[in-house]
Structure formats: C-alpha cells, structure tokens
Amino acid sequence: MFSRYLLREFAKLNFARAIAGQWPKNRQCRARVVIRNQFQPQGHIRMPSIDPYINRGEAKRFLASIPWINSESIAQSKWNADHSTYGVGANTFRAFTGYQNKPSVQYRAWARNQSKSLSGEALLKATSSRQDFDAWHQELAQSLRRTWQRTQSKPLSVPHKYKLVDLYVKWLTRHAFTPPSVTEGLLNHAHCALDSRILNTINKCLSSALPLNAASMGHIATEETYAFCQQVIRQYCLAIGGTPILFDYYAWPLRPKLAPAKD
C-alpha cells in the first residue's frame, strides 16, 4: 500500500538534508486560528515525529504568509449560495475525462444544492470539532459520489472526489459566516485539496524527506493514501503553527508571491 510504503520509508531513512534538532514551536503567527494541541492522527497509521525534517526557511515563509492570507482570502465575501464556479475552475476539470456528462456542470449543480441547503446551525455543528467536521466531510464526499453514480457513465475516482469536496470547503472559507466561530472551525479542521502543487510543496517543506518524485493528484488512489497525506500535512502545520487550509492557500497563492520572509 502506497501510504504504508511512505510511512515505512519516512520512519527508517536517515536523510542528510534533514534539519538537525527540534524545530521550535513558534505560535506567534497564527492570526485568527486556534490550534488544538491534543490532535491525534486518526485511523491505524502511527506517524513518526516530523520535527527533524522541517525546512526552517520554508516554515518561515509559510508563517509569514498567514497574515496576508487572512486579510485577503479568509471570510472576505458575504455569503451567497449562488456562484459561477464554487471554487473549481476549468483547469481542474481538464483531468476529468471519459464522463458522459460535463463534470463541471455536474459538480456545480451538486455544489449549488449543498450551498442552498446549508443552515447556520448545521454549519456551526459541522465545524465545532474535528470529529464533527470529519463526519460532515464524509457526508459531502458520499453525497457527491452518489450524485455522480446516478448521472455519469463511470464512478468518481477517490482523488477526484476529494479534490472537489476539499475545493468546495476551501470556497466556503472565503465567506464571512455568523457566528465567526464557523470560520474558525473551517480554518482549524478543513483539509488540503491534494494535487501535485500541494504534495510537492509539503515535500519541500519537509526537506524532501518523502520518497516522492513528481507526485500528482492521481497518486491519491485510495482512501488510506488520502488520509495519510492529510495527516502528514496536519502534523507539519501543528509543528510550526498553522492549519492545512492555510497551507493550501500558501501553496496556491492568489498572487505570484506571498509575503516572503527574510532568511
């Protein structure tokens, strides 16, 4: 299994480029994010410490970008259930081939239905804890999968399913909700939308400790691999002071450069 292979290699290899010592747990650049230190990885994969592998320069750049991300991207729009893309552009759908109906139309119809049925109370509950968010996240994924099965000629693959769900949740983070704790919950619990940019960025941030070469969304072939990659990203963010969704914005900035830090 790909995820277990990564875990085994990550645990046993001694990388010359790894950062010696323990990275200080800087908590000063968290902006409006509340990190829960009692995080424990879910499932059966037990994660080794990633602290020795953290690239200090990349960590500084990520932390320096958080205030700008908060001011430019998070909770900047008034809620509107109608949108033209729901956070997924045409470039993403180029990878969705062999379907009977246009995947973009299918996704946007599903996202519109989800958005119109969102209530403040339901969203508050869904973002109140990691457990509640993960349950809601799975409900979204299964809802999208069922919608696809009813109208398409082939099922939605694991990487495509989670890519669309996670981009939808990322789109939600751009809106201001009442109460503000909804936004805080989204920032704390949302996942990264895994693709080549995210996977290669996290590997760079870990001093290329993961044995990956040109990783892409297509490599996220199983539920276990998806969960493992999310755990790696979340542990990294917890170690330096950030969250996976902020890391997603960092890897996919809305402008060419995000607040570069001085090394």
C-alpha atoms as a PDB file:
ATOM      1  CA  MET A   1       0.000   0.000   0.000  1.00  0.00           C
ATOM      2  CA  PHE A   2       1.370   3.369  -1.052  1.00  0.00           C
ATOM      3  CA  SER A   3       0.657   5.063   2.283  1.00  0.00           C
ATOM      4  CA  ARG A   4       2.314   2.309   4.319  1.00  0.00           C
ATOM      5  CA  TYR A   5       5.314   2.385   1.990  1.00  0.00           C
ATOM      6  CA  LEU A   6       5.692   6.112   2.573  1.00  0.00           C
ATOM      7  CA  LEU A   7       5.369   5.665   6.326  1.00  0.00           C
ATOM      8  CA  ARG A   8       7.987   2.916   6.392  1.00  0.00           C
ATOM      9  CA  GLU A   9      10.439   4.891   4.276  1.00  0.00           C
ATOM     10  CA  PHE A  10       9.781   8.096   6.198  1.00  0.00           C
ATOM     11  CA  ALA A  11      10.459   6.358   9.501  1.00  0.00           C
ATOM     12  CA  LYS A  12      13.612   4.428   8.609  1.00  0.00           C
ATOM     13  CA  LEU A  13      15.616   6.591   6.208  1.00  0.00           C
ATOM     14  CA  ASN A  14      18.304   8.898   7.565  1.00  0.00           C
ATOM     15  CA  PHE A  15      18.319  11.928   5.276  1.00  0.00           C
ATOM     16  CA  ALA A  16      21.480  14.018   5.167  1.00  0.00           C
ATOM     17  CA  ARG A  17      19.435  17.084   4.319  1.00  0.00           C
ATOM     18  CA  ALA A  18      17.164  16.757   7.342  1.00  0.00           C
ATOM     19  CA  ILE A  19      17.207  19.622   9.793  1.00  0.00           C
ATOM     20  CA  ALA A  20      19.127  18.704  12.923  1.00  0.00           C
ATOM     21  CA  GLY A  21      17.461  19.211  16.291  1.00  0.00           C
ATOM     22  CA  GLN A  22      13.890  20.133  17.107  1.00  0.00           C
ATOM     23  CA  TRP A  23      12.068  22.976  15.364  1.00  0.00           C
ATOM     24  CA  PRO A  24      10.856  25.490  17.977  1.00  0.00           C
ATOM     25  CA  LYS A  25       7.118  25.526  18.154  1.00  0.00           C
ATOM     26  CA  ASN A  26       6.505  29.141  17.222  1.00  0.00           C
ATOM     27  CA  ARG A  27       2.909  30.089  17.864  1.00  0.00           C
ATOM     28  CA  GLN A  28       3.120  33.811  17.162  1.00  0.00           C
ATOM     29  CA  CYS A  29       1.809  33.901  13.586  1.00  0.00           C
ATOM     30  CA  ARG A  30      -1.435  32.021  13.979  1.00  0.00           C
ATOM     31  CA  ALA A  31      -3.631  35.044  13.249  1.00  0.00           C
ATOM     32  CA  ARG A  32      -7.222  34.048  13.962  1.00  0.00           C
ATOM     33  CA  VAL A  33      -6.527  30.307  14.027  1.00  0.00           C
ATOM     34  CA  VAL A  34      -6.790  28.229  17.168  1.00  0.00           C
ATOM     35  CA  ILE A  35      -4.649  25.103  17.108  1.00  0.00           C
ATOM     36  CA  ARG A  36      -5.646  22.146  19.224  1.00  0.00           C
ATOM     37  CA  ASN A  37      -2.500  20.554  20.640  1.00  0.00           C
ATOM     38  CA  GLN A  38      -4.293  17.376  21.599  1.00  0.00           C
ATOM     39  CA  PHE A  39      -4.555  16.341  17.937  1.00  0.00           C
ATOM     40  CA  GLN A  40      -4.109  12.622  17.443  1.00  0.00           C
ATOM     41  CA  PRO A  41      -3.908  11.076  13.961  1.00  0.00           C
ATOM     42  CA  GLN A  42      -6.984   9.066  13.085  1.00  0.00           C
ATOM     43  CA  GLY A  43      -7.003   5.542  11.715  1.00  0.00           C
ATOM     44  CA  HIS A  44      -4.339   2.872  12.167  1.00  0.00           C
ATOM     45  CA  ILE A  45      -1.313   4.766  10.832  1.00  0.00           C
ATOM     46  CA  ARG A  46       1.001   5.918  13.600  1.00  0.00           C
ATOM     47  CA  MET A  47       3.031   8.900  12.499  1.00  0.00           C
ATOM     48  CA  PRO A  48       6.702   9.403  13.423  1.00  0.00           C
ATOM     49  CA  SER A  49       7.829  12.857  14.524  1.00  0.00           C
ATOM     50  CA  ILE A  50       8.383  15.133  11.554  1.00  0.00           C
ATOM     51  CA  ASP A  51      10.192  17.844  13.533  1.00  0.00           C
ATOM     52  CA  PRO A  52      13.718  16.827  12.454  1.00  0.00           C
ATOM     53  CA  TYR A  53      12.757  17.132   8.783  1.00  0.00           C
ATOM     54  CA  ILE A  54      11.239  20.603   8.840  1.00  0.00           C
ATOM     55  CA  ASN A  55      12.918  23.040   6.463  1.00  0.00           C
ATOM     56  CA  ARG A  56      13.266  26.200   8.539  1.00  0.00           C
ATOM     57  CA  GLY A  57      13.334  28.600   5.600  1.00  0.00           C
ATOM     58  CA  GLU A  58      10.136  27.169   4.106  1.00  0.00           C
ATOM     59  CA  ALA A  59       8.460  27.222   7.521  1.00  0.00           C
ATOM     60  CA  LYS A  60       9.299  30.923   7.909  1.00  0.00           C
ATOM     61  CA  ARG A  61       7.817  31.679   4.501  1.00  0.00           C
ATOM     62  CA  PHE A  62       4.621  29.818   5.356  1.00  0.00           C
ATOM     63  CA  LEU A  63       4.232  31.583   8.708  1.00  0.00           C
ATOM     64  CA  ALA A  64       4.953  34.969   7.142  1.00  0.00           C
ATOM     65  CA  SER A  65       2.187  34.398   4.587  1.00  0.00           C
ATOM     66  CA  ILE A  66      -0.581  33.720   7.137  1.00  0.00           C
ATOM     67  CA  PRO A  67      -1.477  37.358   7.964  1.00  0.00           C
ATOM     68  CA  TRP A  68      -1.783  38.157   4.263  1.00  0.00           C
ATOM     69  CA  ILE A  69      -3.901  35.046   3.626  1.00  0.00           C
ATOM     70  CA  ASN A  70      -6.212  36.014   6.486  1.00  0.00           C
ATOM     71  CA  SER A  71      -6.606  39.590   5.246  1.00  0.00           C
ATOM     72  CA  GLU A  72      -7.021  38.774   1.553  1.00  0.00           C
ATOM     73  CA  SER A  73      -8.692  35.377   1.350  1.00  0.00           C
ATOM     74  CA  ILE A  74     -10.463  34.315   4.554  1.00  0.00           C
ATOM     75  CA  ALA A  75     -14.032  35.478   5.277  1.00  0.00           C
ATOM     76  CA  GLN A  76     -13.793  38.309   2.757  1.00  0.00           C
ATOM     77  CA  SER A  77     -17.118  37.768   0.963  1.00  0.00           C
ATOM     78  CA  LYS A  78     -20.725  37.959   2.054  1.00  0.00           C
ATOM     79  CA  TRP A  79     -22.414  34.571   1.887  1.00  0.00           C
ATOM     80  CA  ASN A  80     -24.219  33.838  -1.369  1.00  0.00           C
ATOM     81  CA  ALA A  81     -25.369  30.322  -2.221  1.00  0.00           C
ATOM     82  CA  ASP A  82     -25.220  31.090  -5.963  1.00  0.00           C
ATOM     83  CA  HIS A  83     -21.818  31.155  -7.636  1.00  0.00           C
ATOM     84  CA  SER A  84     -20.424  30.511 -11.093  1.00  0.00           C
ATOM     85  CA  THR A  85     -17.674  28.054 -10.129  1.00  0.00           C
ATOM     86  CA  TYR A  86     -17.984  27.145  -6.412  1.00  0.00           C
ATOM     87  CA  GLY A  87     -14.207  27.275  -6.172  1.00  0.00           C
ATOM     88  CA  VAL A  88     -13.328  24.897  -9.024  1.00  0.00           C
ATOM     89  CA  GLY A  89     -12.032  26.324 -12.291  1.00  0.00           C
ATOM     90  CA  ALA A  90     -11.853  24.875 -15.777  1.00  0.00           C
ATOM     91  CA  ASN A  91      -8.186  23.897 -15.378  1.00  0.00           C
ATOM     92  CA  THR A  92      -9.123  21.370 -12.667  1.00  0.00           C
ATOM     93  CA  PHE A  93     -11.783  19.732 -14.802  1.00  0.00           C
ATOM     94  CA  ARG A  94      -9.312  19.052 -17.632  1.00  0.00           C
ATOM     95  CA  ALA A  95      -8.235  15.982 -15.677  1.00  0.00           C
ATOM     96  CA  PHE A  96     -11.834  14.674 -15.542  1.00  0.00           C
ATOM     97  CA  THR A  97     -12.035  12.649 -18.757  1.00  0.00           C
ATOM     98  CA  GLY A  98     -14.289   9.905 -20.079  1.00  0.00           C
ATOM     99  CA  TYR A  99     -17.534  11.083 -18.482  1.00  0.00           C
ATOM    100  CA  GLN A 100     -20.886  11.076 -20.227  1.00  0.00           C
ATOM    101  CA  ASN A 101     -21.913  14.498 -18.910  1.00  0.00           C
ATOM    102  CA  LYS A 102     -19.750  17.549 -18.342  1.00  0.00           C
ATOM    103  CA  PRO A 103     -18.100  17.169 -14.922  1.00  0.00           C
ATOM    104  CA  SER A 104     -18.107  20.942 -14.353  1.00  0.00           C
ATOM    105  CA  VAL A 105     -21.879  21.122 -14.809  1.00  0.00           C
ATOM    106  CA  GLN A 106     -22.355  18.076 -12.577  1.00  0.00           C
ATOM    107  CA  TYR A 107     -20.192  19.480  -9.796  1.00  0.00           C
ATOM    108  CA  ARG A 108     -21.732  22.952  -9.846  1.00  0.00           C
ATOM    109  CA  ALA A 109     -25.261  21.541  -9.678  1.00  0.00           C
ATOM    110  CA  TRP A 110     -24.238  19.466  -6.664  1.00  0.00           C
ATOM    111  CA  ALA A 111     -22.440  22.416  -5.016  1.00  0.00           C
ATOM    112  CA  ARG A 112     -25.446  24.688  -5.598  1.00  0.00           C
ATOM    113  CA  ASN A 113     -27.748  22.179  -3.906  1.00  0.00           C
ATOM    114  CA  GLN A 114     -25.354  21.799  -0.986  1.00  0.00           C
ATOM    115  CA  SER A 115     -24.992  25.568  -0.594  1.00  0.00           C
ATOM    116  CA  LYS A 116     -28.712  26.272  -0.694  1.00  0.00           C
ATOM    117  CA  SER A 117     -29.369  23.630   1.950  1.00  0.00           C
ATOM    118  CA  LEU A 118     -26.654  24.921   4.312  1.00  0.00           C
ATOM    119  CA  SER A 119     -28.085  26.354   7.502  1.00  0.00           C
ATOM    120  CA  GLY A 120     -26.139  28.361  10.049  1.00  0.00           C
ATOM    121  CA  GLU A 121     -26.973  25.862  12.776  1.00  0.00           C
ATOM    122  CA  ALA A 122     -25.857  22.862  10.689  1.00  0.00           C
ATOM    123  CA  LEU A 123     -22.632  24.561   9.620  1.00  0.00           C
ATOM    124  CA  LEU A 124     -21.859  25.558  13.202  1.00  0.00           C
ATOM    125  CA  LYS A 125     -22.251  21.952  14.342  1.00  0.00           C
ATOM    126  CA  ALA A 126     -20.209  20.625  11.401  1.00  0.00           C
ATOM    127  CA  THR A 127     -17.261  22.857  12.291  1.00  0.00           C
ATOM    128  CA  SER A 128     -17.421  22.685  16.095  1.00  0.00           C
ATOM    129  CA  SER A 129     -14.892  19.859  16.433  1.00  0.00           C
ATOM    130  CA  ARG A 130     -12.540  17.762  14.366  1.00  0.00           C
ATOM    131  CA  GLN A 131     -14.796  14.748  14.750  1.00  0.00           C
ATOM    132  CA  ASP A 132     -17.876  16.671  13.620  1.00  0.00           C
ATOM    133  CA  PHE A 133     -16.037  18.148  10.661  1.00  0.00           C
ATOM    134  CA  ASP A 134     -14.713  14.763   9.530  1.00  0.00           C
ATOM    135  CA  ALA A 135     -18.234  13.311   9.700  1.00  0.00           C
ATOM    136  CA  TRP A 136     -19.611  16.213   7.635  1.00  0.00           C
ATOM    137  CA  HIS A 137     -16.688  15.921   5.205  1.00  0.00           C
ATOM    138  CA  GLN A 138     -17.539  12.269   4.623  1.00  0.00           C
ATOM    139  CA  GLU A 139     -21.210  13.147   4.129  1.00  0.00           C
ATOM    140  CA  LEU A 140     -20.205  15.621   1.425  1.00  0.00           C
ATOM    141  CA  ALA A 141     -17.955  13.061  -0.254  1.00  0.00           C
ATOM    142  CA  GLN A 142     -20.611  10.343  -0.228  1.00  0.00           C
ATOM    143  CA  SER A 143     -23.267  12.762  -1.470  1.00  0.00           C
ATOM    144  CA  LEU A 144     -21.067  13.760  -4.418  1.00  0.00           C
ATOM    145  CA  ARG A 145     -20.263  10.118  -5.165  1.00  0.00           C
ATOM    146  CA  ARG A 146     -23.957   9.175  -5.242  1.00  0.00           C
ATOM    147  CA  THR A 147     -24.793  12.128  -7.467  1.00  0.00           C
ATOM    148  CA  TRP A 148     -22.067  11.072  -9.885  1.00  0.00           C
ATOM    149  CA  GLN A 149     -23.250   7.465  -9.978  1.00  0.00           C
ATOM    150  CA  ARG A 150     -26.777   8.494 -10.901  1.00  0.00           C
ATOM    151  CA  THR A 151     -25.833  10.593 -13.925  1.00  0.00           C
ATOM    152  CA  GLN A 152     -22.385   9.603 -15.188  1.00  0.00           C
ATOM    153  CA  SER A 153     -21.084   6.668 -17.199  1.00  0.00           C
ATOM    154  CA  LYS A 154     -18.381   5.827 -14.649  1.00  0.00           C
ATOM    155  CA  PRO A 155     -17.890   6.422 -10.918  1.00  0.00           C
ATOM    156  CA  LEU A 156     -15.912   9.302  -9.474  1.00  0.00           C
ATOM    157  CA  SER A 157     -12.366   8.289  -8.520  1.00  0.00           C
ATOM    158  CA  VAL A 158     -11.024   8.777  -4.994  1.00  0.00           C
ATOM    159  CA  PRO A 159      -8.650  11.654  -5.870  1.00  0.00           C
ATOM    160  CA  HIS A 160     -11.277  13.475  -7.942  1.00  0.00           C
ATOM    161  CA  LYS A 161     -13.950  13.021  -5.290  1.00  0.00           C
ATOM    162  CA  TYR A 162     -11.852  14.531  -2.516  1.00  0.00           C
ATOM    163  CA  LYS A 163     -10.354  17.199  -4.736  1.00  0.00           C
ATOM    164  CA  LEU A 164     -13.842  18.566  -5.480  1.00  0.00           C
ATOM    165  CA  VAL A 165     -15.059  18.291  -1.888  1.00  0.00           C
ATOM    166  CA  ASP A 166     -11.966  19.971  -0.469  1.00  0.00           C
ATOM    167  CA  LEU A 167     -12.081  22.783  -3.032  1.00  0.00           C
ATOM    168  CA  TYR A 168     -15.744  23.311  -2.145  1.00  0.00           C
ATOM    169  CA  VAL A 169     -14.860  23.607   1.558  1.00  0.00           C
ATOM    170  CA  LYS A 170     -11.998  25.945   0.662  1.00  0.00           C
ATOM    171  CA  TRP A 171     -14.511  28.088  -1.241  1.00  0.00           C
ATOM    172  CA  LEU A 172     -16.632  28.233   1.925  1.00  0.00           C
ATOM    173  CA  THR A 173     -13.689  29.668   3.885  1.00  0.00           C
ATOM    174  CA  ARG A 174     -13.767  32.765   1.693  1.00  0.00           C
ATOM    175  CA  HIS A 175     -17.150  33.752   3.132  1.00  0.00           C
ATOM    176  CA  ALA A 176     -17.989  35.526   6.354  1.00  0.00           C
ATOM    177  CA  PHE A 177     -20.378  33.434   8.432  1.00  0.00           C
ATOM    178  CA  THR A 178     -22.310  34.174  11.598  1.00  0.00           C
ATOM    179  CA  PRO A 179     -21.162  33.377  14.194  1.00  0.00           C
ATOM    180  CA  PRO A 180     -17.429  33.856  13.427  1.00  0.00           C
ATOM    181  CA  SER A 181     -16.693  30.547  15.132  1.00  0.00           C
ATOM    182  CA  VAL A 182     -17.877  28.869  11.907  1.00  0.00           C
ATOM    183  CA  THR A 183     -14.947  30.417  10.046  1.00  0.00           C
ATOM    184  CA  GLU A 184     -12.603  29.483  12.892  1.00  0.00           C
ATOM    185  CA  GLY A 185     -13.834  25.890  12.728  1.00  0.00           C
ATOM    186  CA  LEU A 186     -13.324  25.734   8.967  1.00  0.00           C
ATOM    187  CA  LEU A 187      -9.791  27.096   9.317  1.00  0.00           C
ATOM    188  CA  ASN A 188      -8.935  24.605  12.054  1.00  0.00           C
ATOM    189  CA  HIS A 189     -10.399  21.452  10.529  1.00  0.00           C
ATOM    190  CA  ALA A 190     -10.555  21.762   6.719  1.00  0.00           C
ATOM    191  CA  HIS A 191      -8.274  19.616   4.585  1.00  0.00           C
ATOM    192  CA  CYS A 192      -5.917  20.469   1.749  1.00  0.00           C
ATOM    193  CA  ALA A 193      -7.167  19.797  -1.782  1.00  0.00           C
ATOM    194  CA  LEU A 194      -4.440  17.316  -2.733  1.00  0.00           C
ATOM    195  CA  ASP A 195      -2.703  17.770  -6.072  1.00  0.00           C
ATOM    196  CA  SER A 196       0.829  17.964  -7.440  1.00  0.00           C
ATOM    197  CA  ARG A 197       1.353  21.507  -6.102  1.00  0.00           C
ATOM    198  CA  ILE A 198       0.304  20.588  -2.557  1.00  0.00           C
ATOM    199  CA  LEU A 199       2.223  17.294  -2.476  1.00  0.00           C
ATOM    200  CA  ASN A 200       5.431  18.761  -3.848  1.00  0.00           C
ATOM    201  CA  THR A 201       5.196  21.796  -1.556  1.00  0.00           C
ATOM    202  CA  ILE A 202       4.813  19.693   1.594  1.00  0.00           C
ATOM    203  CA  ASN A 203       7.749  17.544   0.492  1.00  0.00           C
ATOM    204  CA  LYS A 204       9.853  20.678   0.008  1.00  0.00           C
ATOM    205  CA  CYS A 205       8.799  21.883   3.460  1.00  0.00           C
ATOM    206  CA  LEU A 206       9.986  18.546   4.883  1.00  0.00           C
ATOM    207  CA  SER A 207      13.437  18.819   3.251  1.00  0.00           C
ATOM    208  CA  SER A 208      12.399  16.307   0.549  1.00  0.00           C
ATOM    209  CA  ALA A 209      12.146  13.595   3.216  1.00  0.00           C
ATOM    210  CA  LEU A 210       9.237  11.864   1.495  1.00  0.00           C
ATOM    211  CA  PRO A 211      10.343   9.477  -1.287  1.00  0.00           C
ATOM    212  CA  LEU A 212       8.187  11.192  -3.906  1.00  0.00           C
ATOM    213  CA  ASN A 213       9.066  12.008  -7.488  1.00  0.00           C
ATOM    214  CA  ALA A 214       6.653  14.224  -9.436  1.00  0.00           C
ATOM    215  CA  ALA A 215       3.720  13.362  -7.177  1.00  0.00           C
ATOM    216  CA  SER A 216       0.267  14.202  -8.547  1.00  0.00           C
ATOM    217  CA  MET A 217      -3.403  14.020  -7.665  1.00  0.00           C
ATOM    218  CA  GLY A 218      -3.621  10.690  -9.492  1.00  0.00           C
ATOM    219  CA  HIS A 219      -1.320   9.086  -6.920  1.00  0.00           C
ATOM    220  CA  ILE A 220      -4.006   9.540  -4.248  1.00  0.00           C
ATOM    221  CA  ALA A 221      -5.591   6.301  -5.395  1.00  0.00           C
ATOM    222  CA  THR A 222      -7.060   5.038  -2.104  1.00  0.00           C
ATOM    223  CA  GLU A 223      -8.836   6.339   0.966  1.00  0.00           C
ATOM    224  CA  GLU A 224      -5.808   5.297   3.054  1.00  0.00           C
ATOM    225  CA  THR A 225      -3.390   7.302   0.916  1.00  0.00           C
ATOM    226  CA  TYR A 226      -5.640  10.348   1.139  1.00  0.00           C
ATOM    227  CA  ALA A 227      -5.825  10.049   4.943  1.00  0.00           C
ATOM    228  CA  PHE A 228      -2.063   9.535   5.251  1.00  0.00           C
ATOM    229  CA  CYS A 229      -1.211  12.625   3.173  1.00  0.00           C
ATOM    230  CA  GLN A 230      -3.663  14.734   5.167  1.00  0.00           C
ATOM    231  CA  GLN A 231      -2.041  13.519   8.407  1.00  0.00           C
ATOM    232  CA  VAL A 232       1.431  14.473   7.178  1.00  0.00           C
ATOM    233  CA  ILE A 233       0.259  17.990   6.268  1.00  0.00           C
ATOM    234  CA  ARG A 234      -1.641  18.429   9.535  1.00  0.00           C
ATOM    235  CA  GLN A 235       1.314  17.316  11.640  1.00  0.00           C
ATOM    236  CA  TYR A 236       3.567  19.747   9.817  1.00  0.00           C
ATOM    237  CA  CYS A 237       1.134  22.598  10.405  1.00  0.00           C
ATOM    238  CA  LEU A 238       0.744  21.719  14.068  1.00  0.00           C
ATOM    239  CA  ALA A 239       4.518  21.636  14.499  1.00  0.00           C
ATOM    240  CA  ILE A 240       5.133  25.149  13.196  1.00  0.00           C
ATOM    241  CA  GLY A 241       1.817  26.950  13.822  1.00  0.00           C
ATOM    242  CA  GLY A 242      -0.730  26.831  11.013  1.00  0.00           C
ATOM    243  CA  THR A 243      -3.514  24.698   9.568  1.00  0.00           C
ATOM    244  CA  PRO A 244      -3.897  22.585   6.412  1.00  0.00           C
ATOM    245  CA  ILE A 245      -6.290  25.001   4.714  1.00  0.00           C
ATOM    246  CA  LEU A 246      -3.869  27.879   5.298  1.00  0.00           C
ATOM    247  CA  PHE A 247      -1.152  25.664   3.845  1.00  0.00           C
ATOM    248  CA  ASP A 248      -3.391  25.151   0.805  1.00  0.00           C
ATOM    249  CA  TYR A 249      -3.655  28.921   0.329  1.00  0.00           C
ATOM    250  CA  TYR A 250       0.114  29.186   0.781  1.00  0.00           C
ATOM    251  CA  ALA A 251       0.805  26.573  -1.903  1.00  0.00           C
ATOM    252  CA  TRP A 252      -1.780  28.130  -4.241  1.00  0.00           C
ATOM    253  CA  PRO A 253      -1.390  31.890  -3.667  1.00  0.00           C
ATOM    254  CA  LEU A 254      -3.767  34.376  -5.279  1.00  0.00           C
ATOM    255  CA  ARG A 255      -0.774  36.382  -6.386  1.00  0.00           C
ATOM    256  CA  PRO A 256       2.734  35.320  -7.544  1.00  0.00           C
ATOM    257  CA  LYS A 257       4.468  35.815  -4.199  1.00  0.00           C
ATOM    258  CA  LEU A 258       3.151  35.704  -0.654  1.00  0.00           C
ATOM    259  CA  ALA A 259       4.993  37.869   1.904  1.00  0.00           C
ATOM    260  CA  PRO A 260       8.466  36.318   1.509  1.00  0.00           C
ATOM    261  CA  ALA A 261      10.317  36.018   4.784  1.00  0.00           C
ATOM    262  CA  LYS A 262      13.901  37.044   5.359  1.00  0.00           C
ATOM    263  CA  ASP A 263      16.117  34.015   5.953  1.00  0.00           C
END
